[in-house]
PDB file of N, CA and C in Angstrom:
ATOM      1  N   MET A   1      23.186  45.686  34.078  1.00  0.00           N
ATOM      2  CA  MET A   1      24.202  46.597  33.566  1.00  0.00           C
ATOM      3  C   MET A   1      25.477  45.814  33.309  1.00  0.00           C
ATOM      4  N   GLU A   2      26.074  46.027  32.171  1.00  0.00           N
ATOM      5  CA  GLU A   2      27.303  45.340  31.776  1.00  0.00           C
ATOM      6  C   GLU A   2      28.498  46.247  32.007  1.00  0.00           C
ATOM      7  N   THR A   3      29.621  45.657  32.398  1.00  0.00           N
ATOM      8  CA  THR A   3      30.869  46.391  32.555  1.00  0.00           C
ATOM      9  C   THR A   3      31.820  45.943  31.454  1.00  0.00           C
ATOM     10  N   ILE A   4      32.332  46.917  30.699  1.00  0.00           N
ATOM     11  CA  ILE A   4      33.304  46.656  29.642  1.00  0.00           C
ATOM     12  C   ILE A   4      34.625  47.267  30.082  1.00  0.00           C
ATOM     13  N   LYS A   5      35.704  46.481  30.003  1.00  0.00           N
ATOM     14  CA  LYS A   5      37.029  46.979  30.370  1.00  0.00           C
ATOM     15  C   LYS A   5      37.951  46.849  29.164  1.00  0.00           C
ATOM     16  N   LEU A   6      38.639  47.959  28.860  1.00  0.00           N
ATOM     17  CA  LEU A   6      39.563  47.980  27.738  1.00  0.00           C
ATOM     18  C   LEU A   6      40.910  48.543  28.164  1.00  0.00           C
ATOM     19  N   LYS A   7      41.966  47.960  27.623  1.00  0.00           N
ATOM     20  CA  LYS A   7      43.325  48.477  27.806  1.00  0.00           C
ATOM     21  C   LYS A   7      43.500  49.588  26.782  1.00  0.00           C
ATOM     22  N   THR A   8      44.005  50.750  27.220  1.00  0.00           N
ATOM     23  CA  THR A   8      44.137  51.898  26.305  1.00  0.00           C
ATOM     24  C   THR A   8      45.531  52.505  26.387  1.00  0.00           C
ATOM     25  N   ASN A   9      45.754  53.518  25.558  1.00  0.00           N
ATOM     26  CA  ASN A   9      46.974  54.327  25.658  1.00  0.00           C
ATOM     27  C   ASN A   9      46.608  55.757  26.072  1.00  0.00           C
ATOM     28  N   ILE A  10      45.532  55.901  26.838  1.00  0.00           N
ATOM     29  CA  ILE A  10      45.102  57.190  27.389  1.00  0.00           C
ATOM     30  C   ILE A  10      45.906  57.395  28.671  1.00  0.00           C
ATOM     31  N   LYS A  11      46.874  58.320  28.652  1.00  0.00           N
ATOM     32  CA  LYS A  11      47.864  58.388  29.716  1.00  0.00           C
ATOM     33  C   LYS A  11      47.657  59.486  30.760  1.00  0.00           C
ATOM     34  N   CYS A  12      46.932  60.558  30.408  1.00  0.00           N
ATOM     35  CA  CYS A  12      46.912  61.715  31.311  1.00  0.00           C
ATOM     36  C   CYS A  12      45.589  62.467  31.224  1.00  0.00           C
ATOM     37  N   GLY A  13      45.484  63.516  32.014  1.00  0.00           N
ATOM     38  CA  GLY A  13      44.278  64.333  32.009  1.00  0.00           C
ATOM     39  C   GLY A  13      44.002  64.973  30.660  1.00  0.00           C
ATOM     40  N   GLY A  14      45.058  65.349  29.946  1.00  0.00           N
ATOM     41  CA  GLY A  14      44.889  65.935  28.614  1.00  0.00           C
ATOM     42  C   GLY A  14      44.307  64.921  27.637  1.00  0.00           C
ATOM     43  N   CYS A  15      44.766  63.676  27.751  1.00  0.00           N
ATOM     44  CA  CYS A  15      44.236  62.602  26.903  1.00  0.00           C
ATOM     45  C   CYS A  15      42.760  62.366  27.224  1.00  0.00           C
ATOM     46  N   ILE A  16      42.436  62.370  28.507  1.00  0.00           N
ATOM     47  CA  ILE A  16      41.047  62.165  28.922  1.00  0.00           C
ATOM     48  C   ILE A  16      40.170  63.289  28.374  1.00  0.00           C
ATOM     49  N   ALA A  17      40.678  64.521  28.419  1.00  0.00           N
ATOM     50  CA  ALA A  17      39.920  65.654  27.881  1.00  0.00           C
ATOM     51  C   ALA A  17      39.656  65.475  26.388  1.00  0.00           C
ATOM     52  N   THR A  18      40.603  64.885  25.676  1.00  0.00           N
ATOM     53  CA  THR A  18      40.446  64.652  24.244  1.00  0.00           C
ATOM     54  C   THR A  18      39.377  63.602  23.955  1.00  0.00           C
ATOM     55  N   VAL A  19      39.355  62.519  24.719  1.00  0.00           N
ATOM     56  CA  VAL A  19      38.393  61.443  24.448  1.00  0.00           C
ATOM     57  C   VAL A  19      37.007  61.706  25.041  1.00  0.00           C
ATOM     58  N   THR A  20      36.921  62.635  25.982  1.00  0.00           N
ATOM     59  CA  THR A  20      35.649  62.883  26.671  1.00  0.00           C
ATOM     60  C   THR A  20      34.463  63.115  25.735  1.00  0.00           C
ATOM     61  N   PRO A  21      34.546  64.030  24.750  1.00  0.00           N
ATOM     62  CA  PRO A  21      33.359  64.226  23.903  1.00  0.00           C
ATOM     63  C   PRO A  21      32.969  62.974  23.117  1.00  0.00           C
ATOM     64  N   PHE A  22      33.939  62.184  22.699  1.00  0.00           N
ATOM     65  CA  PHE A  22      33.661  60.966  21.931  1.00  0.00           C
ATOM     66  C   PHE A  22      32.982  59.913  22.801  1.00  0.00           C
ATOM     67  N   LEU A  23      33.511  59.705  24.012  1.00  0.00           N
ATOM     68  CA  LEU A  23      32.929  58.708  24.907  1.00  0.00           C
ATOM     69  C   LEU A  23      31.588  59.171  25.469  1.00  0.00           C
ATOM     70  N   ASN A  24      31.469  60.463  25.777  1.00  0.00           N
ATOM     71  CA  ASN A  24      30.183  60.963  26.278  1.00  0.00           C
ATOM     72  C   ASN A  24      29.088  60.780  25.240  1.00  0.00           C
ATOM     73  N   GLU A  25      29.432  60.978  23.966  1.00  0.00           N
ATOM     74  CA  GLU A  25      28.444  60.817  22.902  1.00  0.00           C
ATOM     75  C   GLU A  25      28.045  59.353  22.722  1.00  0.00           C
ATOM     76  N   SER A  26      29.020  58.452  22.819  1.00  0.00           N
ATOM     77  CA  SER A  26      28.708  57.048  22.535  1.00  0.00           C
ATOM     78  C   SER A  26      28.176  56.280  23.744  1.00  0.00           C
ATOM     79  N   VAL A  27      28.667  56.572  24.951  1.00  0.00           N
ATOM     80  CA  VAL A  27      28.218  55.803  26.121  1.00  0.00           C
ATOM     81  C   VAL A  27      27.546  56.646  27.193  1.00  0.00           C
ATOM     82  N   GLY A  28      27.642  57.955  27.081  1.00  0.00           N
ATOM     83  CA  GLY A  28      26.999  58.844  28.046  1.00  0.00           C
ATOM     84  C   GLY A  28      27.946  59.309  29.136  1.00  0.00           C
ATOM     85  N   ALA A  29      27.804  60.567  29.511  1.00  0.00           N
ATOM     86  CA  ALA A  29      28.631  61.139  30.574  1.00  0.00           C
ATOM     87  C   ALA A  29      28.362  60.400  31.876  1.00  0.00           C
ATOM     88  N   GLY A  30      29.418  60.154  32.626  1.00  0.00           N
ATOM     89  CA  GLY A  30      29.276  59.484  33.907  1.00  0.00           C
ATOM     90  C   GLY A  30      29.232  57.969  33.825  1.00  0.00           C
ATOM     91  N   ASN A  31      29.287  57.419  32.614  1.00  0.00           N
ATOM     92  CA  ASN A  31      29.228  55.966  32.438  1.00  0.00           C
ATOM     93  C   ASN A  31      30.589  55.359  32.148  1.00  0.00           C
ATOM     94  N   TRP A  32      31.642  56.155  32.224  1.00  0.00           N
ATOM     95  CA  TRP A  32      32.969  55.636  31.915  1.00  0.00           C
ATOM     96  C   TRP A  32      34.013  56.349  32.766  1.00  0.00           C
ATOM     97  N   GLN A  33      35.169  55.681  32.915  1.00  0.00           N
ATOM     98  CA  GLN A  33      36.319  56.289  33.589  1.00  0.00           C
ATOM     99  C   GLN A  33      37.584  55.588  33.136  1.00  0.00           C
ATOM    100  N   VAL A  34      38.696  56.310  33.209  1.00  0.00           N
ATOM    101  CA  VAL A  34      39.998  55.752  32.841  1.00  0.00           C
ATOM    102  C   VAL A  34      40.881  55.766  34.085  1.00  0.00           C
ATOM    103  N   ASP A  35      41.468  54.620  34.399  1.00  0.00           N
ATOM    104  CA  ASP A  35      42.411  54.514  35.509  1.00  0.00           C
ATOM    105  C   ASP A  35      43.809  54.741  34.955  1.00  0.00           C
ATOM    106  N   THR A  36      44.264  55.994  34.987  1.00  0.00           N
ATOM    107  CA  THR A  36      45.585  56.324  34.437  1.00  0.00           C
ATOM    108  C   THR A  36      46.709  55.874  35.367  1.00  0.00           C
ATOM    109  N   GLN A  37      46.381  55.471  36.604  1.00  0.00           N
ATOM    110  CA  GLN A  37      47.400  54.965  37.526  1.00  0.00           C
ATOM    111  C   GLN A  37      47.748  53.507  37.216  1.00  0.00           C
ATOM    112  N   ASN A  38      46.833  52.788  36.591  1.00  0.00           N
ATOM    113  CA  ASN A  38      47.062  51.392  36.213  1.00  0.00           C
ATOM    114  C   ASN A  38      48.018  51.370  35.021  1.00  0.00           C
ATOM    115  N   PRO A  39      49.013  50.494  35.013  1.00  0.00           N
ATOM    116  CA  PRO A  39      49.952  50.437  33.886  1.00  0.00           C
ATOM    117  C   PRO A  39      49.267  50.182  32.532  1.00  0.00           C
ATOM    118  N   ASP A  40      48.108  49.504  32.553  1.00  0.00           N
ATOM    119  CA  ASP A  40      47.383  49.214  31.319  1.00  0.00           C
ATOM    120  C   ASP A  40      46.386  50.316  30.942  1.00  0.00           C
ATOM    121  N   LYS A  41      46.304  51.386  31.768  1.00  0.00           N
ATOM    122  CA  LYS A  41      45.407  52.524  31.482  1.00  0.00           C
ATOM    123  C   LYS A  41      43.991  52.025  31.172  1.00  0.00           C
ATOM    124  N   ILE A  42      43.370  51.377  32.137  1.00  0.00           N
ATOM    125  CA  ILE A  42      42.100  50.682  31.943  1.00  0.00           C
ATOM    126  C   ILE A  42      40.924  51.661  31.821  1.00  0.00           C
ATOM    127  N   LEU A  43      40.206  51.538  30.726  1.00  0.00           N
ATOM    128  CA  LEU A  43      38.948  52.261  30.512  1.00  0.00           C
ATOM    129  C   LEU A  43      37.823  51.325  30.935  1.00  0.00           C
ATOM    130  N   THR A  44      37.022  51.756  31.899  1.00  0.00           N
ATOM    131  CA  THR A  44      35.887  50.976  32.374  1.00  0.00           C
ATOM    132  C   THR A  44      34.607  51.688  31.976  1.00  0.00           C
ATOM    133  N   VAL A  45      33.711  50.952  31.328  1.00  0.00           N
ATOM    134  CA  VAL A  45      32.439  51.506  30.869  1.00  0.00           C
ATOM    135  C   VAL A  45      31.297  50.706  31.484  1.00  0.00           C
ATOM    136  N   GLN A  46      30.339  51.406  32.069  1.00  0.00           N
ATOM    137  CA  GLN A  46      29.106  50.787  32.579  1.00  0.00           C
ATOM    138  C   GLN A  46      28.017  51.076  31.554  1.00  0.00           C
ATOM    139  N   THR A  47      27.408  50.031  31.003  1.00  0.00           N
ATOM    140  CA  THR A  47      26.437  50.250  29.938  1.00  0.00           C
ATOM    141  C   THR A  47      25.365  49.175  29.925  1.00  0.00           C
ATOM    142  N   GLU A  48      24.249  49.520  29.341  1.00  0.00           N
ATOM    143  CA  GLU A  48      23.188  48.547  29.121  1.00  0.00           C
ATOM    144  C   GLU A  48      23.020  48.260  27.639  1.00  0.00           C
ATOM    145  N   ALA A  49      23.428  49.191  26.791  1.00  0.00           N
ATOM    146  CA  ALA A  49      23.112  49.051  25.373  1.00  0.00           C
ATOM    147  C   ALA A  49      24.308  49.137  24.431  1.00  0.00           C
ATOM    148  N   VAL A  50      25.454  49.572  24.916  1.00  0.00           N
ATOM    149  CA  VAL A  50      26.601  49.811  24.044  1.00  0.00           C
ATOM    150  C   VAL A  50      27.516  48.587  24.028  1.00  0.00           C
ATOM    151  N   THR A  51      28.034  48.260  22.856  1.00  0.00           N
ATOM    152  CA  THR A  51      28.945  47.125  22.731  1.00  0.00           C
ATOM    153  C   THR A  51      30.394  47.574  22.905  1.00  0.00           C
ATOM    154  N   ALA A  52      31.265  46.617  23.142  1.00  0.00           N
ATOM    155  CA  ALA A  52      32.695  46.906  23.263  1.00  0.00           C
ATOM    156  C   ALA A  52      33.223  47.509  21.965  1.00  0.00           C
ATOM    157  N   ASP A  53      32.715  47.049  20.819  1.00  0.00           N
ATOM    158  CA  ASP A  53      33.165  47.591  19.533  1.00  0.00           C
ATOM    159  C   ASP A  53      32.818  49.064  19.397  1.00  0.00           C
ATOM    160  N   THR A  54      31.664  49.473  19.921  1.00  0.00           N
ATOM    161  CA  THR A  54      31.255  50.876  19.873  1.00  0.00           C
ATOM    162  C   THR A  54      32.192  51.730  20.716  1.00  0.00           C
ATOM    163  N   VAL A  55      32.534  51.237  21.897  1.00  0.00           N
ATOM    164  CA  VAL A  55      33.448  51.957  22.786  1.00  0.00           C
ATOM    165  C   VAL A  55      34.822  52.058  22.133  1.00  0.00           C
ATOM    166  N   LYS A  56      35.290  50.965  21.591  1.00  0.00           N
ATOM    167  CA  LYS A  56      36.587  50.926  20.918  1.00  0.00           C
ATOM    168  C   LYS A  56      36.626  51.932  19.762  1.00  0.00           C
ATOM    169  N   ALA A  57      35.553  51.986  18.983  1.00  0.00           N
ATOM    170  CA  ALA A  57      35.480  52.923  17.852  1.00  0.00           C
ATOM    171  C   ALA A  57      35.523  54.363  18.336  1.00  0.00           C
ATOM    172  N   ALA A  58      34.856  54.675  19.437  1.00  0.00           N
ATOM    173  CA  ALA A  58      34.856  56.034  19.976  1.00  0.00           C
ATOM    174  C   ALA A  58      36.263  56.438  20.407  1.00  0.00           C
ATOM    175  N   VAL A  59      36.967  55.526  21.068  1.00  0.00           N
ATOM    176  CA  VAL A  59      38.343  55.801  21.501  1.00  0.00           C
ATOM    177  C   VAL A  59      39.234  56.016  20.279  1.00  0.00           C
ATOM    178  N   GLN A  60      39.076  55.178  19.262  1.00  0.00           N
ATOM    179  CA  GLN A  60      39.888  55.298  18.055  1.00  0.00           C
ATOM    180  C   GLN A  60      39.583  56.598  17.297  1.00  0.00           C
ATOM    181  N   GLN A  61      38.320  57.031  17.295  1.00  0.00           N
ATOM    182  CA  GLN A  61      37.957  58.302  16.661  1.00  0.00           C
ATOM    183  C   GLN A  61      38.702  59.456  17.317  1.00  0.00           C
ATOM    184  N   ALA A  62      38.929  59.349  18.612  1.00  0.00           N
ATOM    185  CA  ALA A  62      39.634  60.398  19.350  1.00  0.00           C
ATOM    186  C   ALA A  62      41.143  60.328  19.144  1.00  0.00           C
ATOM    187  N   GLY A  63      41.606  59.275  18.463  1.00  0.00           N
ATOM    188  CA  GLY A  63      43.035  59.159  18.165  1.00  0.00           C
ATOM    189  C   GLY A  63      43.809  58.269  19.105  1.00  0.00           C
ATOM    190  N   TYR A  64      43.118  57.439  19.869  1.00  0.00           N
ATOM    191  CA  TYR A  64      43.773  56.543  20.823  1.00  0.00           C
ATOM    192  C   TYR A  64      43.467  55.090  20.481  1.00  0.00           C
ATOM    193  N   LYS A  65      44.169  54.191  21.171  1.00  0.00           N
ATOM    194  CA  LYS A  65      43.977  52.758  20.938  1.00  0.00           C
ATOM    195  C   LYS A  65      43.251  52.148  22.123  1.00  0.00           C
ATOM    196  N   ALA A  66      42.469  51.098  21.846  1.00  0.00           N
ATOM    197  CA  ALA A  66      41.791  50.359  22.915  1.00  0.00           C
ATOM    198  C   ALA A  66      41.667  48.910  22.512  1.00  0.00           C
ATOM    199  N   GLU A  67      41.951  48.022  23.463  1.00  0.00           N
ATOM    200  CA  GLU A  67      41.806  46.576  23.259  1.00  0.00           C
ATOM    201  C   GLU A  67      40.956  46.012  24.382  1.00  0.00           C
ATOM    202  N   LEU A  68      40.016  45.169  24.046  1.00  0.00           N
ATOM    203  CA  LEU A  68      39.170  44.539  25.052  1.00  0.00           C
ATOM    204  C   LEU A  68      40.019  43.623  25.925  1.00  0.00           C
ATOM    205  N   LEU A  69      39.849  43.748  27.231  1.00  0.00           N
ATOM    206  CA  LEU A  69      40.541  42.842  28.156  1.00  0.00           C
ATOM    207  C   LEU A  69      39.745  41.557  28.258  1.00  0.00           C
ATOM    208  N   SER A  70      40.449  40.432  28.253  1.00  0.00           N
ATOM    209  CA  SER A  70      39.735  39.149  28.335  1.00  0.00           C
ATOM    210  C   SER A  70      39.611  38.690  29.756  1.00  0.00           C
TER     211      SER A  70
END
């Protein structure tokens, strides 16, 4: 299982509610979480088949930004 971490601008519960259907569709429910307490608002995804670009596209479809952490 691969872990993908992205810096986002997802700031609150309302933002998470907005991205939930997009991320659930692309990576599956229960396979992702956003740490809104972290200053970088880290989105962590556990996946076997999804690429970072796919996750990034899902976040962008929801109207938010995401950058892969190096």
